[in-house]
Amino acid sequence: MAGKSGARSVLVAGGAGFLGAELCRRYLQKGFDVTCLDDLSSGRLVNLSGHLNHPGFTFLRQDVAKPLQLETSFEYIFNLACPASPPRYQADPLQTLKTCLFGAFNLLELARATGARILQASTSEVYGDPLVSPQKESYAGNVNTFGPRSCYDEGKRAAETIFHDYHDCYGVDLRVARIFNSYGPGMDPQDGRVVSNFITQALVGDSITVFGDGTQTRSFCYLDDTVDGLIALMHSPSTEFEPVNIGNPKETPVGKLAELVLQKIGSNSRLSYLDLPQDDPKQRRPDISRARKRLGWEPKVNLSDGLDRTIGYFRSELAASGKIAPGAM
């Protein structure tokens, strides 16, 4: 579908987040007209600062859960619209559910009406606190429907069901990516996820808050690798509509991550251990066999290099806001 300039067009819902903003940048580089739709409840305009004056870029501030009135037709639609950090999605659980469910319906109706291909950014949280490792796409998960994380976990699971049924009932051309613990430049220092928490706390000299005993694991995938995977999945053959894990299969204990961040920053911050929150997963490790086979994709950036790039970004961000001295640590 042609956009406002006659070029091919893409819509990125949730495009002011750090992943969405990088998707916008990549498609602008490819010569697409790009429309970013975001209500800025967790996304940030600063992530779009390099795009706002681009002639092929349009920013729409809107809640994806409300009816969409878009005059442009799109060839591709990415749905990344939902806070991904526990403090933010738990702050307004009903709005989180509305975003997951109504947002899915609204964007799928747009895709159905215009013939666009649509990609749902799902999450490793659909596996809950897994009883198997690594997690394959065929694993049904171990998810609590009645807890503080349920609004996000179950919202994303239900959104996958909505996508599946739009494919079965209407033949909508769709993709589903289950994203594992992405990080990188563009994250909000106050985001509330483990990488942003540890780096920010170390840079400002606060205690590093480790929930649990630090042995629980995560699989951290750098921004560039995640976006490479999302683009590869979006442009994969039309028969590939089953969910695909996009993540790094290398597990890292959370306590080891804290030690690595402290070492890289040279911080004197101490580790402070707190109780593990309810339903917090003990283990995260994706099986990416499907992504390797069908997309030819696997992550390339190791955790050490990715942290160096992310720490540099956070240092500049915190210095600009006056929270640390320029060049501190």
C-alpha atoms as a PDB file:
ATOM      1  CA  MET A   1       0.000   0.000   0.000  1.00  0.00           C
ATOM      2  CA  ALA A   2       1.246   3.491  -0.821  1.00  0.00           C
ATOM      3  CA  GLY A   3       1.620   6.154   1.864  1.00  0.00           C
ATOM      4  CA  LYS A   4       1.304   9.923   1.638  1.00  0.00           C
ATOM      5  CA  SER A   5       4.324  10.298  -0.634  1.00  0.00           C
ATOM      6  CA  GLY A   6       3.440   7.327  -2.813  1.00  0.00           C
ATOM      7  CA  ALA A   7       6.045   5.158  -1.089  1.00  0.00           C
ATOM      8  CA  ARG A   8       5.290   1.849   0.582  1.00  0.00           C
ATOM      9  CA  SER A   9       3.847   2.405   4.052  1.00  0.00           C
ATOM     10  CA  VAL A  10       4.087   0.969   7.549  1.00  0.00           C
ATOM     11  CA  LEU A  11       2.244   1.672  10.796  1.00  0.00           C
ATOM     12  CA  VAL A  12       4.069   1.164  14.102  1.00  0.00           C
ATOM     13  CA  ALA A  13       1.675   1.195  17.054  1.00  0.00           C
ATOM     14  CA  GLY A  14       3.721   1.803  20.181  1.00  0.00           C
ATOM     15  CA  GLY A  15       6.369   3.384  17.984  1.00  0.00           C
ATOM     16  CA  ALA A  16       7.689   5.759  20.665  1.00  0.00           C
ATOM     17  CA  GLY A  17       9.080   2.894  22.724  1.00  0.00           C
ATOM     18  CA  PHE A  18      12.721   1.972  22.244  1.00  0.00           C
ATOM     19  CA  LEU A  19      11.921  -1.005  19.996  1.00  0.00           C
ATOM     20  CA  GLY A  20       9.199   0.834  18.071  1.00  0.00           C
ATOM     21  CA  ALA A  21      11.381   3.880  17.482  1.00  0.00           C
ATOM     22  CA  GLU A  22      14.127   1.701  16.033  1.00  0.00           C
ATOM     23  CA  LEU A  23      11.580   0.036  13.747  1.00  0.00           C
ATOM     24  CA  CYS A  24      10.489   3.496  12.577  1.00  0.00           C
ATOM     25  CA  ARG A  25      14.117   4.412  11.865  1.00  0.00           C
ATOM     26  CA  ARG A  26      14.801   1.207   9.936  1.00  0.00           C
ATOM     27  CA  TYR A  27      11.732   1.582   7.697  1.00  0.00           C
ATOM     28  CA  LEU A  28      12.438   5.253   7.022  1.00  0.00           C
ATOM     29  CA  GLN A  29      15.910   4.154   5.903  1.00  0.00           C
ATOM     30  CA  LYS A  30      14.267   1.621   3.595  1.00  0.00           C
ATOM     31  CA  GLY A  31      12.290   4.429   1.947  1.00  0.00           C
ATOM     32  CA  PHE A  32       8.907   3.667   3.519  1.00  0.00           C
ATOM     33  CA  ASP A  33       6.399   6.218   4.720  1.00  0.00           C
ATOM     34  CA  VAL A  34       6.137   5.527   8.454  1.00  0.00           C
ATOM     35  CA  THR A  35       3.256   6.362  10.771  1.00  0.00           C
ATOM     36  CA  CYS A  36       3.913   6.075  14.503  1.00  0.00           C
ATOM     37  CA  LEU A  37       0.844   5.759  16.736  1.00  0.00           C
ATOM     38  CA  ASP A  38       1.495   6.138  20.472  1.00  0.00           C
ATOM     39  CA  ASP A  39      -0.303   7.705  23.436  1.00  0.00           C
ATOM     40  CA  LEU A  40       3.050   8.316  25.199  1.00  0.00           C
ATOM     41  CA  SER A  41       1.878   6.559  28.352  1.00  0.00           C
ATOM     42  CA  SER A  42       5.200   4.709  28.359  1.00  0.00           C
ATOM     43  CA  GLY A  43       6.772   5.674  25.026  1.00  0.00           C
ATOM     44  CA  ARG A  44       8.827   8.877  24.800  1.00  0.00           C
ATOM     45  CA  LEU A  45       8.985  11.591  22.167  1.00  0.00           C
ATOM     46  CA  VAL A  46      12.746  11.830  22.707  1.00  0.00           C
ATOM     47  CA  ASN A  47      13.016   8.429  21.012  1.00  0.00           C
ATOM     48  CA  LEU A  48      11.467   9.978  17.893  1.00  0.00           C
ATOM     49  CA  SER A  49      13.572  13.152  17.854  1.00  0.00           C
ATOM     50  CA  GLY A  50      15.516  11.987  14.818  1.00  0.00           C
ATOM     51  CA  HIS A  51      12.325  11.212  12.882  1.00  0.00           C
ATOM     52  CA  LEU A  52       9.937  14.098  13.543  1.00  0.00           C
ATOM     53  CA  ASN A  53      11.215  16.311  10.709  1.00  0.00           C
ATOM     54  CA  HIS A  54      11.512  13.492   8.191  1.00  0.00           C
ATOM     55  CA  PRO A  55       9.100  14.067   5.270  1.00  0.00           C
ATOM     56  CA  GLY A  56       8.030  10.425   5.310  1.00  0.00           C
ATOM     57  CA  PHE A  57       7.246  10.315   9.034  1.00  0.00           C
ATOM     58  CA  THR A  58       3.907  10.974  10.757  1.00  0.00           C
ATOM     59  CA  PHE A  59       3.312  10.900  14.511  1.00  0.00           C
ATOM     60  CA  LEU A  60      -0.197  10.347  15.873  1.00  0.00           C
ATOM     61  CA  ARG A  61      -0.786  10.635  19.609  1.00  0.00           C
ATOM     62  CA  GLN A  62      -3.626   8.214  20.263  1.00  0.00           C
ATOM     63  CA  ASP A  63      -4.639   5.353  22.518  1.00  0.00           C
ATOM     64  CA  VAL A  64      -4.700   2.216  20.377  1.00  0.00           C
ATOM     65  CA  ALA A  65      -7.525   0.849  22.526  1.00  0.00           C
ATOM     66  CA  LYS A  66      -9.847   3.573  21.227  1.00  0.00           C
ATOM     67  CA  PRO A  67     -11.429   3.475  17.754  1.00  0.00           C
ATOM     68  CA  LEU A  68      -8.891   4.249  15.037  1.00  0.00           C
ATOM     69  CA  GLN A  69      -9.642   6.791  12.346  1.00  0.00           C
ATOM     70  CA  LEU A  70      -6.735   6.550   9.939  1.00  0.00           C
ATOM     71  CA  GLU A  71      -6.994   7.839   6.393  1.00  0.00           C
ATOM     72  CA  THR A  72      -3.808   6.154   5.206  1.00  0.00           C
ATOM     73  CA  SER A  73      -3.627   2.567   4.006  1.00  0.00           C
ATOM     74  CA  PHE A  74      -0.675   0.485   5.140  1.00  0.00           C
ATOM     75  CA  GLU A  75       1.199  -2.457   3.734  1.00  0.00           C
ATOM     76  CA  TYR A  76       2.573  -3.505   7.122  1.00  0.00           C
ATOM     77  CA  ILE A  77       1.332  -2.957  10.685  1.00  0.00           C
ATOM     78  CA  PHE A  78       3.363  -3.603  13.848  1.00  0.00           C
ATOM     79  CA  ASN A  79       1.510  -3.801  17.161  1.00  0.00           C
ATOM     80  CA  LEU A  80       3.971  -2.969  19.943  1.00  0.00           C
ATOM     81  CA  ALA A  81       1.454  -0.921  21.924  1.00  0.00           C
ATOM     82  CA  CYS A  82       1.583  -1.873  25.612  1.00  0.00           C
ATOM     83  CA  PRO A  83       3.832  -1.032  28.581  1.00  0.00           C
ATOM     84  CA  ALA A  84       6.237  -3.929  29.043  1.00  0.00           C
ATOM     85  CA  SER A  85       7.702  -3.195  32.484  1.00  0.00           C
ATOM     86  CA  PRO A  86       5.883  -4.659  35.506  1.00  0.00           C
ATOM     87  CA  PRO A  87       5.652  -1.373  37.479  1.00  0.00           C
ATOM     88  CA  ARG A  88       4.034   0.362  34.519  1.00  0.00           C
ATOM     89  CA  TYR A  89       1.597  -2.288  33.384  1.00  0.00           C
ATOM     90  CA  GLN A  90       0.602  -3.014  36.992  1.00  0.00           C
ATOM     91  CA  ALA A  91      -0.030   0.689  37.686  1.00  0.00           C
ATOM     92  CA  ASP A  92      -3.226   0.556  35.608  1.00  0.00           C
ATOM     93  CA  PRO A  93      -4.080  -3.114  35.038  1.00  0.00           C
ATOM     94  CA  LEU A  94      -7.431  -2.463  33.391  1.00  0.00           C
ATOM     95  CA  GLN A  95      -5.881  -0.088  30.873  1.00  0.00           C
ATOM     96  CA  THR A  96      -3.201  -2.717  30.215  1.00  0.00           C
ATOM     97  CA  LEU A  97      -5.918  -5.243  29.412  1.00  0.00           C
ATOM     98  CA  LYS A  98      -7.760  -2.745  27.210  1.00  0.00           C
ATOM     99  CA  THR A  99      -4.555  -2.017  25.319  1.00  0.00           C
ATOM    100  CA  CYS A 100      -3.866  -5.720  24.756  1.00  0.00           C
ATOM    101  CA  LEU A 101      -7.420  -6.678  23.786  1.00  0.00           C
ATOM    102  CA  PHE A 102      -9.074  -3.643  22.193  1.00  0.00           C
ATOM    103  CA  GLY A 103      -5.795  -2.668  20.566  1.00  0.00           C
ATOM    104  CA  ALA A 104      -5.577  -6.091  18.949  1.00  0.00           C
ATOM    105  CA  PHE A 105      -9.155  -5.878  17.660  1.00  0.00           C
ATOM    106  CA  ASN A 106      -8.709  -2.324  16.343  1.00  0.00           C
ATOM    107  CA  LEU A 107      -5.478  -3.032  14.487  1.00  0.00           C
ATOM    108  CA  LEU A 108      -6.696  -6.367  13.146  1.00  0.00           C
ATOM    109  CA  GLU A 109      -9.828  -4.691  11.791  1.00  0.00           C
ATOM    110  CA  LEU A 110      -7.587  -2.143  10.080  1.00  0.00           C
ATOM    111  CA  ALA A 111      -5.470  -4.942   8.612  1.00  0.00           C
ATOM    112  CA  ARG A 112      -8.579  -6.825   7.530  1.00  0.00           C
ATOM    113  CA  ALA A 113     -10.073  -3.759   5.844  1.00  0.00           C
ATOM    114  CA  THR A 114      -6.916  -2.779   3.972  1.00  0.00           C
ATOM    115  CA  GLY A 115      -5.244  -6.141   3.328  1.00  0.00           C
ATOM    116  CA  ALA A 116      -2.196  -5.222   5.408  1.00  0.00           C
ATOM    117  CA  ARG A 117       0.103  -7.790   6.950  1.00  0.00           C
ATOM    118  CA  ILE A 118       0.171  -7.346  10.740  1.00  0.00           C
ATOM    119  CA  LEU A 119       2.669  -8.428  13.393  1.00  0.00           C
ATOM    120  CA  GLN A 120       1.767  -8.819  17.059  1.00  0.00           C
ATOM    121  CA  ALA A 121       4.591  -8.137  19.503  1.00  0.00           C
ATOM    122  CA  SER A 122       3.807 -10.779  22.091  1.00  0.00           C
ATOM    123  CA  THR A 123       6.060 -11.721  24.970  1.00  0.00           C
ATOM    124  CA  SER A 124       7.845 -14.486  26.815  1.00  0.00           C
ATOM    125  CA  GLU A 125       5.394 -13.714  29.631  1.00  0.00           C
ATOM    126  CA  VAL A 126       2.831 -15.896  27.835  1.00  0.00           C
ATOM    127  CA  TYR A 127       4.861 -18.801  29.280  1.00  0.00           C
ATOM    128  CA  GLY A 128       4.355 -17.478  32.835  1.00  0.00           C
ATOM    129  CA  ASP A 129       6.658 -19.041  35.429  1.00  0.00           C
ATOM    130  CA  PRO A 130       7.697 -21.931  33.178  1.00  0.00           C
ATOM    131  CA  LEU A 131       7.984 -25.528  34.297  1.00  0.00           C
ATOM    132  CA  VAL A 132      10.169 -26.438  31.292  1.00  0.00           C
ATOM    133  CA  SER A 133      13.370 -24.989  29.880  1.00  0.00           C
ATOM    134  CA  PRO A 134      14.111 -23.863  27.281  1.00  0.00           C
ATOM    135  CA  GLN A 135      10.648 -22.625  26.314  1.00  0.00           C
ATOM    136  CA  LYS A 136       9.445 -23.778  22.906  1.00  0.00           C
ATOM    137  CA  GLU A 137       6.561 -22.110  21.111  1.00  0.00           C
ATOM    138  CA  SER A 138       4.537 -25.283  21.650  1.00  0.00           C
ATOM    139  CA  TYR A 139       4.735 -24.893  25.445  1.00  0.00           C
ATOM    140  CA  ALA A 140       1.316 -23.797  26.764  1.00  0.00           C
ATOM    141  CA  GLY A 141       2.754 -22.019  29.796  1.00  0.00           C
ATOM    142  CA  ASN A 142       2.172 -21.808  33.544  1.00  0.00           C
ATOM    143  CA  VAL A 143       0.285 -18.552  34.014  1.00  0.00           C
ATOM    144  CA  ASN A 144      -1.737 -17.264  36.972  1.00  0.00           C
ATOM    145  CA  THR A 145      -5.003 -15.632  35.893  1.00  0.00           C
ATOM    146  CA  PHE A 146      -5.502 -14.013  39.299  1.00  0.00           C
ATOM    147  CA  GLY A 147      -2.341 -12.137  40.246  1.00  0.00           C
ATOM    148  CA  PRO A 148      -0.546  -8.799  39.871  1.00  0.00           C
ATOM    149  CA  ARG A 149       1.076  -9.782  36.556  1.00  0.00           C
ATOM    150  CA  SER A 150      -2.071 -11.310  35.081  1.00  0.00           C
ATOM    151  CA  CYS A 151      -3.215  -8.151  33.297  1.00  0.00           C
ATOM    152  CA  TYR A 152      -0.125  -8.296  31.066  1.00  0.00           C
ATOM    153  CA  ASP A 153       0.475 -12.036  30.874  1.00  0.00           C
ATOM    154  CA  GLU A 154      -3.137 -12.941  30.183  1.00  0.00           C
ATOM    155  CA  GLY A 155      -3.687  -9.820  28.071  1.00  0.00           C
ATOM    156  CA  LYS A 156      -0.906 -10.892  25.725  1.00  0.00           C
ATOM    157  CA  ARG A 157      -2.127 -14.492  25.683  1.00  0.00           C
ATOM    158  CA  ALA A 158      -5.645 -13.355  24.797  1.00  0.00           C
ATOM    159  CA  ALA A 159      -4.256 -11.051  22.102  1.00  0.00           C
ATOM    160  CA  GLU A 160      -2.521 -14.048  20.517  1.00  0.00           C
ATOM    161  CA  THR A 161      -5.872 -15.866  20.516  1.00  0.00           C
ATOM    162  CA  ILE A 162      -7.551 -12.906  18.823  1.00  0.00           C
ATOM    163  CA  PHE A 163      -4.824 -12.875  16.171  1.00  0.00           C
ATOM    164  CA  HIS A 164      -5.151 -16.624  15.645  1.00  0.00           C
ATOM    165  CA  ASP A 165      -8.904 -16.368  15.199  1.00  0.00           C
ATOM    166  CA  TYR A 166      -8.668 -13.448  12.768  1.00  0.00           C
ATOM    167  CA  HIS A 167      -6.403 -15.628  10.670  1.00  0.00           C
ATOM    168  CA  ASP A 168      -8.781 -18.584  10.843  1.00  0.00           C
ATOM    169  CA  CYS A 169     -12.001 -16.597  10.366  1.00  0.00           C
ATOM    170  CA  TYR A 170     -10.909 -13.868   7.957  1.00  0.00           C
ATOM    171  CA  GLY A 171      -7.586 -14.999   6.506  1.00  0.00           C
ATOM    172  CA  VAL A 172      -5.707 -11.988   7.872  1.00  0.00           C
ATOM    173  CA  ASP A 173      -2.014 -12.206   6.991  1.00  0.00           C
ATOM    174  CA  LEU A 174      -0.319 -12.076  10.364  1.00  0.00           C
ATOM    175  CA  ARG A 175       2.797 -12.806  12.365  1.00  0.00           C
ATOM    176  CA  VAL A 176       3.295 -13.284  16.136  1.00  0.00           C
ATOM    177  CA  ALA A 177       6.660 -12.626  17.814  1.00  0.00           C
ATOM    178  CA  ARG A 178       7.248 -13.717  21.405  1.00  0.00           C
ATOM    179  CA  ILE A 179       9.903 -11.259  22.584  1.00  0.00           C
ATOM    180  CA  PHE A 180      12.292 -12.146  25.422  1.00  0.00           C
ATOM    181  CA  ASN A 181      13.827  -9.437  27.656  1.00  0.00           C
ATOM    182  CA  SER A 182      14.995  -6.859  25.153  1.00  0.00           C
ATOM    183  CA  TYR A 183      17.210  -3.968  26.235  1.00  0.00           C
ATOM    184  CA  GLY A 184      19.262  -1.186  24.724  1.00  0.00           C
ATOM    185  CA  PRO A 185      19.525   2.553  24.045  1.00  0.00           C
ATOM    186  CA  GLY A 186      16.207   4.364  24.090  1.00  0.00           C
ATOM    187  CA  MET A 187      14.957   2.658  27.246  1.00  0.00           C
ATOM    188  CA  ASP A 188      13.603   5.030  29.878  1.00  0.00           C
ATOM    189  CA  PRO A 189      15.995   5.135  32.876  1.00  0.00           C
ATOM    190  CA  GLN A 190      12.874   4.929  35.060  1.00  0.00           C
ATOM    191  CA  ASP A 191      11.435   2.060  33.036  1.00  0.00           C
ATOM    192  CA  GLY A 192      11.432  -0.396  35.927  1.00  0.00           C
ATOM    193  CA  ARG A 193      12.883  -3.400  34.106  1.00  0.00           C
ATOM    194  CA  VAL A 194      15.959  -5.132  35.434  1.00  0.00           C
ATOM    195  CA  VAL A 195      18.572  -3.786  32.970  1.00  0.00           C
ATOM    196  CA  SER A 196      17.421  -0.175  33.242  1.00  0.00           C
ATOM    197  CA  ASN A 197      17.078  -0.475  37.033  1.00  0.00           C
ATOM    198  CA  PHE A 198      20.571  -1.851  37.564  1.00  0.00           C
ATOM    199  CA  ILE A 199      22.305   0.619  35.259  1.00  0.00           C
ATOM    200  CA  THR A 200      20.475   3.661  36.638  1.00  0.00           C
ATOM    201  CA  GLN A 201      21.016   2.633  40.260  1.00  0.00           C
ATOM    202  CA  ALA A 202      24.718   2.004  39.657  1.00  0.00           C
ATOM    203  CA  LEU A 203      25.226   5.320  37.859  1.00  0.00           C
ATOM    204  CA  VAL A 204      23.535   7.418  40.562  1.00  0.00           C
ATOM    205  CA  GLY A 205      25.105   5.415  43.405  1.00  0.00           C
ATOM    206  CA  ASP A 206      21.926   3.868  44.803  1.00  0.00           C
ATOM    207  CA  SER A 207      21.712   0.310  46.100  1.00  0.00           C
ATOM    208  CA  ILE A 208      21.150  -2.295  43.397  1.00  0.00           C
ATOM    209  CA  THR A 209      17.793  -3.911  44.153  1.00  0.00           C
ATOM    210  CA  VAL A 210      17.884  -7.629  43.404  1.00  0.00           C
ATOM    211  CA  PHE A 211      14.585  -9.415  43.853  1.00  0.00           C
ATOM    212  CA  GLY A 212      14.894 -12.923  45.220  1.00  0.00           C
ATOM    213  CA  ASP A 213      18.337 -14.463  45.745  1.00  0.00           C
ATOM    214  CA  GLY A 214      19.586 -13.462  42.284  1.00  0.00           C
ATOM    215  CA  THR A 215      19.649 -17.000  40.903  1.00  0.00           C
ATOM    216  CA  GLN A 216      16.562 -16.517  38.732  1.00  0.00           C
ATOM    217  CA  THR A 217      17.552 -16.209  35.086  1.00  0.00           C
ATOM    218  CA  ARG A 218      16.710 -14.019  32.138  1.00  0.00           C
ATOM    219  CA  SER A 219      17.796 -14.144  28.495  1.00  0.00           C
ATOM    220  CA  PHE A 220      18.767 -10.652  27.397  1.00  0.00           C
ATOM    221  CA  CYS A 221      18.479  -9.729  23.724  1.00  0.00           C
ATOM    222  CA  TYR A 222      19.963  -6.472  22.480  1.00  0.00           C
ATOM    223  CA  LEU A 223      17.802  -3.917  20.678  1.00  0.00           C
ATOM    224  CA  ASP A 224      19.385  -4.363  17.238  1.00  0.00           C
ATOM    225  CA  ASP A 225      18.996  -8.139  17.338  1.00  0.00           C
ATOM    226  CA  THR A 226      15.362  -7.965  18.442  1.00  0.00           C
ATOM    227  CA  VAL A 227      14.463  -5.510  15.688  1.00  0.00           C
ATOM    228  CA  ASP A 228      16.323  -7.626  13.118  1.00  0.00           C
ATOM    229  CA  GLY A 229      14.167 -10.552  14.223  1.00  0.00           C
ATOM    230  CA  LEU A 230      10.909  -8.588  14.048  1.00  0.00           C
ATOM    231  CA  ILE A 231      11.668  -7.349  10.536  1.00  0.00           C
ATOM    232  CA  ALA A 232      12.718 -10.822   9.384  1.00  0.00           C
ATOM    233  CA  LEU A 233       9.486 -12.256  10.763  1.00  0.00           C
ATOM    234  CA  MET A 234       7.316  -9.541   9.195  1.00  0.00           C
ATOM    235  CA  HIS A 235       8.826 -10.266   5.775  1.00  0.00           C
ATOM    236  CA  SER A 236       8.796 -14.061   6.096  1.00  0.00           C
ATOM    237  CA  PRO A 237       6.674 -16.208   3.741  1.00  0.00           C
ATOM    238  CA  SER A 238       2.888 -15.975   4.003  1.00  0.00           C
ATOM    239  CA  THR A 239       2.590 -19.500   5.383  1.00  0.00           C
ATOM    240  CA  GLU A 240       4.520 -18.561   8.544  1.00  0.00           C
ATOM    241  CA  PHE A 241       1.823 -17.381  10.956  1.00  0.00           C
ATOM    242  CA  GLU A 242       2.652 -19.509  14.036  1.00  0.00           C
ATOM    243  CA  PRO A 243       4.296 -17.705  16.998  1.00  0.00           C
ATOM    244  CA  VAL A 244       8.073 -17.343  16.858  1.00  0.00           C
ATOM    245  CA  ASN A 245      10.380 -16.782  19.835  1.00  0.00           C
ATOM    246  CA  ILE A 246      12.644 -13.754  19.377  1.00  0.00           C
ATOM    247  CA  GLY A 247      15.269 -13.754  22.110  1.00  0.00           C
ATOM    248  CA  ASN A 248      18.752 -14.731  23.187  1.00  0.00           C
ATOM    249  CA  PRO A 249      19.078 -18.405  24.224  1.00  0.00           C
ATOM    250  CA  LYS A 250      21.971 -17.586  26.591  1.00  0.00           C
ATOM    251  CA  GLU A 251      20.696 -17.507  30.193  1.00  0.00           C
ATOM    252  CA  THR A 252      22.066 -15.032  32.725  1.00  0.00           C
ATOM    253  CA  PRO A 253      21.310 -15.114  36.465  1.00  0.00           C
ATOM    254  CA  VAL A 254      19.985 -11.754  37.623  1.00  0.00           C
ATOM    255  CA  GLY A 255      22.644 -11.579  40.351  1.00  0.00           C
ATOM    256  CA  LYS A 256      25.388 -12.048  37.757  1.00  0.00           C
ATOM    257  CA  LEU A 257      23.884  -9.251  35.676  1.00  0.00           C
ATOM    258  CA  ALA A 258      24.058  -6.935  38.693  1.00  0.00           C
ATOM    259  CA  GLU A 259      27.718  -7.807  39.260  1.00  0.00           C
ATOM    260  CA  LEU A 260      28.543  -7.245  35.587  1.00  0.00           C
ATOM    261  CA  VAL A 261      26.852  -3.820  35.572  1.00  0.00           C
ATOM    262  CA  LEU A 262      28.722  -2.777  38.735  1.00  0.00           C
ATOM    263  CA  GLN A 263      32.020  -3.947  37.248  1.00  0.00           C
ATOM    264  CA  LYS A 264      31.496  -2.081  33.978  1.00  0.00           C
ATOM    265  CA  ILE A 265      30.432   1.163  35.642  1.00  0.00           C
ATOM    266  CA  GLY A 266      32.951   0.979  38.484  1.00  0.00           C
ATOM    267  CA  SER A 267      30.195   1.778  40.955  1.00  0.00           C
ATOM    268  CA  ASN A 268      30.405   1.370  44.719  1.00  0.00           C
ATOM    269  CA  SER A 269      26.691   0.577  44.925  1.00  0.00           C
ATOM    270  CA  ARG A 270      25.795  -2.343  47.170  1.00  0.00           C
ATOM    271  CA  LEU A 271      23.435  -5.180  46.333  1.00  0.00           C
ATOM    272  CA  SER A 272      20.154  -5.055  48.243  1.00  0.00           C
ATOM    273  CA  TYR A 273      18.093  -8.257  48.196  1.00  0.00           C
ATOM    274  CA  LEU A 274      14.297  -8.010  48.360  1.00  0.00           C
ATOM    275  CA  ASP A 275      11.544 -10.607  48.327  1.00  0.00           C
ATOM    276  CA  LEU A 276      10.713 -12.035  44.919  1.00  0.00           C
ATOM    277  CA  PRO A 277       7.398 -10.568  43.702  1.00  0.00           C
ATOM    278  CA  GLN A 278       4.417 -12.877  43.234  1.00  0.00           C
ATOM    279  CA  ASP A 279       4.533 -14.914  40.003  1.00  0.00           C
ATOM    280  CA  ASP A 280       7.944 -13.508  39.031  1.00  0.00           C
ATOM    281  CA  PRO A 281       9.424 -16.104  36.632  1.00  0.00           C
ATOM    282  CA  LYS A 282      12.339 -18.152  37.975  1.00  0.00           C
ATOM    283  CA  GLN A 283      13.743 -18.951  34.533  1.00  0.00           C
ATOM    284  CA  ARG A 284      13.656 -17.491  31.046  1.00  0.00           C
ATOM    285  CA  ARG A 285      15.351 -19.155  28.101  1.00  0.00           C
ATOM    286  CA  PRO A 286      13.906 -19.282  24.598  1.00  0.00           C
ATOM    287  CA  ASP A 287      14.235 -22.159  22.208  1.00  0.00           C
ATOM    288  CA  ILE A 288      14.912 -20.264  18.964  1.00  0.00           C
ATOM    289  CA  SER A 289      15.051 -23.268  16.649  1.00  0.00           C
ATOM    290  CA  ARG A 290      11.990 -22.006  14.762  1.00  0.00           C
ATOM    291  CA  ALA A 291      13.519 -18.553  14.239  1.00  0.00           C
ATOM    292  CA  ARG A 292      16.802 -20.062  13.061  1.00  0.00           C
ATOM    293  CA  LYS A 293      15.095 -22.420  10.625  1.00  0.00           C
ATOM    294  CA  ARG A 294      12.370 -20.195   9.231  1.00  0.00           C
ATOM    295  CA  LEU A 295      13.958 -16.744   9.441  1.00  0.00           C
ATOM    296  CA  GLY A 296      17.680 -17.476   9.369  1.00  0.00           C
ATOM    297  CA  TRP A 297      17.833 -15.315  12.492  1.00  0.00           C
ATOM    298  CA  GLU A 298      19.734 -15.524  15.732  1.00  0.00           C
ATOM    299  CA  PRO A 299      21.159 -12.795  18.019  1.00  0.00           C
ATOM    300  CA  LYS A 300      24.646 -11.486  17.293  1.00  0.00           C
ATOM    301  CA  VAL A 301      25.373  -8.962  20.072  1.00  0.00           C
ATOM    302  CA  ASN A 302      26.722 -10.506  23.277  1.00  0.00           C
ATOM    303  CA  LEU A 303      25.588  -9.216  26.667  1.00  0.00           C
ATOM    304  CA  SER A 304      28.874  -7.496  27.490  1.00  0.00           C
ATOM    305  CA  ASP A 305      28.915  -5.436  24.302  1.00  0.00           C
ATOM    306  CA  GLY A 306      25.208  -4.677  24.544  1.00  0.00           C
ATOM    307  CA  LEU A 307      25.592  -3.438  28.111  1.00  0.00           C
ATOM    308  CA  ASP A 308      28.494  -1.171  27.098  1.00  0.00           C
ATOM    309  CA  ARG A 309      26.296   0.518  24.481  1.00  0.00           C
ATOM    310  CA  THR A 310      23.339   0.751  26.854  1.00  0.00           C
ATOM    311  CA  ILE A 311      25.389   2.121  29.743  1.00  0.00           C
ATOM    312  CA  GLY A 312      26.793   4.820  27.441  1.00  0.00           C
ATOM    313  CA  TYR A 313      23.272   5.855  26.481  1.00  0.00           C
ATOM    314  CA  PHE A 314      22.042   5.908  30.075  1.00  0.00           C
ATOM    315  CA  ARG A 315      25.080   7.891  31.213  1.00  0.00           C
ATOM    316  CA  SER A 316      24.339  10.587  28.621  1.00  0.00           C
ATOM    317  CA  GLU A 317      20.621  10.562  29.438  1.00  0.00           C
ATOM    318  CA  LEU A 318      21.153  10.922  33.187  1.00  0.00           C
ATOM    319  CA  ALA A 319      23.810  13.605  32.719  1.00  0.00           C
ATOM    320  CA  ALA A 320      21.462  15.622  30.494  1.00  0.00           C
ATOM    321  CA  SER A 321      18.772  15.472  33.164  1.00  0.00           C
ATOM    322  CA  GLY A 322      21.217  16.557  35.884  1.00  0.00           C
ATOM    323  CA  LYS A 323      20.996  13.298  37.839  1.00  0.00           C
ATOM    324  CA  ILE A 324      24.711  12.605  37.471  1.00  0.00           C
ATOM    325  CA  ALA A 325      27.671  14.774  36.551  1.00  0.00           C
ATOM    326  CA  PRO A 326      28.804  14.591  32.908  1.00  0.00           C
ATOM    327  CA  GLY A 327      31.353  11.798  32.570  1.00  0.00           C
ATOM    328  CA  ALA A 328      30.531  10.395  36.022  1.00  0.00           C
ATOM    329  CA  MET A 329      31.583   6.793  36.644  1.00  0.00           C
END
